[in-house]
Each structure stands twice: as structure tokens, then as C-alpha cells.
Amino acid sequence: MRRAGLGEGVPPGNYGNYGYPNSGYSACEEENERLTESLRNKVTAIKSLSIEIGHEVKHQNKLLAEMDSQFDSTTGFLGFCST
């Protein structure tokens, strides 16, 4: 279905504004591109942060495992000494 007034007066093959003459469509498109780039930068930052958090979690889990092992050794040593 074709809407009245859309695409009239646009030379054939001129698809720069997708057939919307002087409608400000390119301004909207530029705004969309700017917002898309901003969103892309934010997603990249969040992705980087989540990767860093993952590395930190692995490091902390390693430290906790070492502490657990040391506590087990200490418990065994204390149990041996108290008998």
C-alpha cells in the first residue's frame, strides 16, 4: 500500500532518504547512527568489565581454595597435637 505524498518528486534511483523528500529522515538516521555508536561503546565497556569480573572471581576462588586447604592442614595438625 502506498501512502499519499510519500516519494513524490523524488528522482528515480534517488534512495538517499528512502523516498521521503525533505522529511528530515536523514537527520533521524544520523541520530540513530550516533545513538547506535554510543550503545556499541557502552556494550563494549560492559563486556570488558564482565570479563575482568570473571578473572577476579577465578582469582578469588583460587585464594579461597588455598585458604581451605591451609585450614584443613591446620585442623589436622591441631587435632594431632591435642591427642
N, C-alpha and C. Protein backbone atom coordinates (compact mmCIF):
# COMPACT_ATOMS: atom_id res chain seq x y z
N MET A 1 0.85 -1.16 0.00
CA MET A 1 0.00 0.00 0.00
C MET A 1 0.90 1.23 0.00
N ARG A 2 0.59 2.22 -0.79
CA ARG A 2 1.37 3.43 -0.92
C ARG A 2 0.65 4.57 -0.22
N ARG A 3 1.37 5.29 0.61
CA ARG A 3 0.78 6.42 1.30
C ARG A 3 0.85 7.65 0.41
N ALA A 4 -0.15 8.46 0.51
CA ALA A 4 -0.24 9.66 -0.32
C ALA A 4 0.86 10.63 0.08
N GLY A 5 1.54 11.17 -0.91
CA GLY A 5 2.53 12.20 -0.69
C GLY A 5 3.93 11.70 -0.41
N LEU A 6 4.10 10.44 -0.20
CA LEU A 6 5.43 9.91 0.07
C LEU A 6 6.10 9.51 -1.23
N GLY A 7 7.30 9.98 -1.41
CA GLY A 7 8.06 9.62 -2.58
C GLY A 7 7.76 10.47 -3.80
N GLU A 8 6.85 11.38 -3.71
CA GLU A 8 6.54 12.22 -4.86
C GLU A 8 7.62 13.26 -5.04
N GLY A 9 8.02 13.49 -6.27
CA GLY A 9 9.01 14.50 -6.58
C GLY A 9 10.43 14.02 -6.39
N VAL A 10 10.64 12.78 -6.04
CA VAL A 10 11.98 12.24 -5.89
C VAL A 10 12.40 11.62 -7.20
N PRO A 11 13.57 12.01 -7.70
CA PRO A 11 14.02 11.42 -8.96
C PRO A 11 14.21 9.92 -8.83
N PRO A 12 13.92 9.19 -9.88
CA PRO A 12 14.11 7.73 -9.85
C PRO A 12 15.55 7.38 -9.49
N GLY A 13 15.71 6.39 -8.68
CA GLY A 13 17.05 5.94 -8.30
C GLY A 13 17.63 6.73 -7.13
N ASN A 14 16.95 7.76 -6.67
CA ASN A 14 17.45 8.53 -5.53
C ASN A 14 16.88 7.93 -4.26
N TYR A 15 17.67 7.07 -3.62
CA TYR A 15 17.19 6.38 -2.43
C TYR A 15 17.87 6.89 -1.17
N GLY A 16 18.51 8.04 -1.21
CA GLY A 16 19.22 8.59 -0.06
C GLY A 16 18.32 8.76 1.14
N ASN A 17 17.09 9.17 0.93
CA ASN A 17 16.14 9.33 2.03
C ASN A 17 15.03 8.30 1.94
N TYR A 18 15.27 7.22 1.23
CA TYR A 18 14.30 6.15 1.07
C TYR A 18 12.97 6.67 0.54
N GLY A 19 13.04 7.61 -0.34
CA GLY A 19 11.84 8.11 -0.98
C GLY A 19 11.08 9.13 -0.17
N TYR A 20 11.64 9.63 0.90
CA TYR A 20 10.98 10.63 1.73
C TYR A 20 11.64 11.99 1.46
N PRO A 21 11.07 12.77 0.57
CA PRO A 21 11.70 14.03 0.21
C PRO A 21 11.60 15.06 1.34
N ASN A 22 12.74 15.66 1.67
CA ASN A 22 12.78 16.76 2.65
C ASN A 22 12.02 16.44 3.94
N SER A 23 12.08 15.23 4.37
CA SER A 23 11.29 14.84 5.54
C SER A 23 12.08 14.86 6.83
N GLY A 24 13.37 15.15 6.75
CA GLY A 24 14.19 15.09 7.94
C GLY A 24 14.60 13.67 8.27
N TYR A 25 14.35 12.77 7.35
CA TYR A 25 14.69 11.36 7.60
C TYR A 25 16.19 11.20 7.81
N SER A 26 16.99 11.92 7.02
CA SER A 26 18.44 11.78 7.18
C SER A 26 18.88 12.27 8.56
N ALA A 27 18.22 13.28 9.10
CA ALA A 27 18.54 13.74 10.45
C ALA A 27 18.24 12.65 11.46
N CYS A 28 17.12 11.97 11.29
CA CYS A 28 16.78 10.85 12.17
C CYS A 28 17.78 9.72 12.01
N GLU A 29 18.18 9.47 10.79
CA GLU A 29 19.15 8.41 10.52
C GLU A 29 20.49 8.73 11.17
N GLU A 30 20.91 9.98 11.09
CA GLU A 30 22.16 10.39 11.72
C GLU A 30 22.07 10.25 13.24
N GLU A 31 20.94 10.63 13.80
CA GLU A 31 20.73 10.48 15.24
C GLU A 31 20.77 9.01 15.64
N ASN A 32 20.14 8.16 14.83
CA ASN A 32 20.16 6.71 15.08
C ASN A 32 21.58 6.18 15.03
N GLU A 33 22.37 6.63 14.06
CA GLU A 33 23.76 6.18 13.94
C GLU A 33 24.56 6.61 15.16
N ARG A 34 24.35 7.84 15.61
CA ARG A 34 25.06 8.35 16.78
C ARG A 34 24.68 7.54 18.03
N LEU A 35 23.40 7.29 18.19
CA LEU A 35 22.94 6.52 19.34
C LEU A 35 23.41 5.07 19.27
N THR A 36 23.44 4.52 18.06
CA THR A 36 23.92 3.15 17.87
C THR A 36 25.39 3.06 18.25
N GLU A 37 26.18 4.04 17.84
CA GLU A 37 27.60 4.04 18.19
C GLU A 37 27.78 4.19 19.70
N SER A 38 26.99 5.03 20.33
CA SER A 38 27.05 5.19 21.78
C SER A 38 26.70 3.88 22.48
N LEU A 39 25.67 3.22 22.01
CA LEU A 39 25.27 1.94 22.59
C LEU A 39 26.36 0.89 22.38
N ARG A 40 26.96 0.89 21.20
CA ARG A 40 28.04 -0.05 20.91
C ARG A 40 29.20 0.16 21.89
N ASN A 41 29.55 1.41 22.15
CA ASN A 41 30.63 1.70 23.10
C ASN A 41 30.27 1.24 24.50
N LYS A 42 29.03 1.43 24.91
CA LYS A 42 28.61 1.00 26.23
C LYS A 42 28.63 -0.51 26.35
N VAL A 43 28.18 -1.22 25.32
CA VAL A 43 28.19 -2.69 25.34
C VAL A 43 29.62 -3.19 25.41
N THR A 44 30.53 -2.56 24.67
CA THR A 44 31.94 -2.94 24.71
C THR A 44 32.52 -2.76 26.10
N ALA A 45 32.18 -1.63 26.73
CA ALA A 45 32.66 -1.37 28.09
C ALA A 45 32.11 -2.39 29.07
N ILE A 46 30.84 -2.72 28.96
CA ILE A 46 30.22 -3.71 29.86
C ILE A 46 30.84 -5.09 29.64
N LYS A 47 31.08 -5.43 28.39
CA LYS A 47 31.70 -6.72 28.08
C LYS A 47 33.09 -6.80 28.70
N SER A 48 33.86 -5.74 28.55
CA SER A 48 35.20 -5.71 29.12
C SER A 48 35.15 -5.83 30.64
N LEU A 49 34.24 -5.11 31.24
CA LEU A 49 34.09 -5.15 32.70
C LEU A 49 33.68 -6.55 33.16
N SER A 50 32.77 -7.18 32.45
CA SER A 50 32.33 -8.52 32.85
C SER A 50 33.46 -9.54 32.72
N ILE A 51 34.32 -9.37 31.72
CA ILE A 51 35.48 -10.26 31.58
C ILE A 51 36.43 -10.06 32.74
N GLU A 52 36.67 -8.79 33.12
CA GLU A 52 37.53 -8.50 34.26
C GLU A 52 36.95 -9.08 35.55
N ILE A 53 35.64 -8.97 35.72
CA ILE A 53 34.99 -9.54 36.90
C ILE A 53 35.19 -11.05 36.91
N GLY A 54 35.06 -11.69 35.76
CA GLY A 54 35.27 -13.14 35.67
C GLY A 54 36.67 -13.54 36.09
N HIS A 55 37.67 -12.75 35.64
CA HIS A 55 39.05 -13.04 36.05
C HIS A 55 39.23 -12.86 37.55
N GLU A 56 38.63 -11.82 38.08
CA GLU A 56 38.72 -11.58 39.53
C GLU A 56 38.05 -12.70 40.32
N VAL A 57 36.91 -13.18 39.86
CA VAL A 57 36.22 -14.27 40.54
C VAL A 57 37.09 -15.53 40.54
N LYS A 58 37.72 -15.83 39.41
CA LYS A 58 38.59 -17.01 39.35
C LYS A 58 39.76 -16.87 40.32
N HIS A 59 40.33 -15.66 40.38
CA HIS A 59 41.45 -15.42 41.29
C HIS A 59 41.00 -15.57 42.75
N GLN A 60 39.86 -15.00 43.09
CA GLN A 60 39.35 -15.10 44.46
C GLN A 60 39.02 -16.55 44.81
N ASN A 61 38.45 -17.30 43.88
CA ASN A 61 38.15 -18.72 44.14
C ASN A 61 39.43 -19.51 44.39
N LYS A 62 40.48 -19.17 43.65
CA LYS A 62 41.77 -19.84 43.86
C LYS A 62 42.29 -19.54 45.26
N LEU A 63 42.21 -18.27 45.68
CA LEU A 63 42.65 -17.91 47.03
C LEU A 63 41.83 -18.62 48.09
N LEU A 64 40.53 -18.70 47.89
CA LEU A 64 39.66 -19.39 48.86
C LEU A 64 40.00 -20.87 48.94
N ALA A 65 40.29 -21.48 47.80
CA ALA A 65 40.65 -22.90 47.79
C ALA A 65 41.96 -23.12 48.55
N GLU A 66 42.92 -22.20 48.37
CA GLU A 66 44.19 -22.31 49.09
C GLU A 66 43.97 -22.14 50.60
N MET A 67 43.12 -21.18 50.97
CA MET A 67 42.82 -20.98 52.39
C MET A 67 42.16 -22.22 52.98
N ASP A 68 41.24 -22.81 52.23
CA ASP A 68 40.54 -24.02 52.69
C ASP A 68 41.55 -25.14 52.92
N SER A 69 42.47 -25.27 51.99
CA SER A 69 43.50 -26.31 52.12
C SER A 69 44.37 -26.05 53.35
N GLN A 70 44.73 -24.78 53.57
CA GLN A 70 45.55 -24.44 54.73
C GLN A 70 44.79 -24.67 56.04
N PHE A 71 43.50 -24.36 56.05
CA PHE A 71 42.71 -24.60 57.25
C PHE A 71 42.60 -26.10 57.53
N ASP A 72 42.44 -26.88 56.45
CA ASP A 72 42.39 -28.33 56.64
C ASP A 72 43.70 -28.84 57.23
N SER A 73 44.83 -28.32 56.75
CA SER A 73 46.14 -28.73 57.27
C SER A 73 46.28 -28.34 58.73
N THR A 74 45.84 -27.13 59.06
CA THR A 74 45.93 -26.64 60.43
C THR A 74 45.04 -27.45 61.36
N THR A 75 43.83 -27.77 60.89
CA THR A 75 42.92 -28.58 61.69
C THR A 75 43.52 -29.95 61.98
N GLY A 76 44.11 -30.52 60.96
CA GLY A 76 44.75 -31.83 61.16
C GLY A 76 45.92 -31.74 62.12
N PHE A 77 46.71 -30.69 62.01
CA PHE A 77 47.84 -30.50 62.90
C PHE A 77 47.38 -30.28 64.34
N LEU A 78 46.37 -29.44 64.52
CA LEU A 78 45.85 -29.18 65.86
C LEU A 78 45.22 -30.43 66.47
N GLY A 79 44.56 -31.21 65.64
CA GLY A 79 43.95 -32.45 66.13
C GLY A 79 45.01 -33.43 66.57
N PHE A 80 46.12 -33.47 65.86
CA PHE A 80 47.23 -34.36 66.21
C PHE A 80 47.88 -33.93 67.52
N CYS A 81 48.02 -32.60 67.71
CA CYS A 81 48.68 -32.09 68.92
C CYS A 81 47.83 -32.26 70.17
N SER A 82 46.53 -32.25 70.03
CA SER A 82 45.69 -32.30 71.21
C SER A 82 45.47 -33.71 71.74
N THR A 83 45.90 -34.70 71.02
CA THR A 83 45.68 -36.07 71.49
C THR A 83 46.77 -36.56 72.40
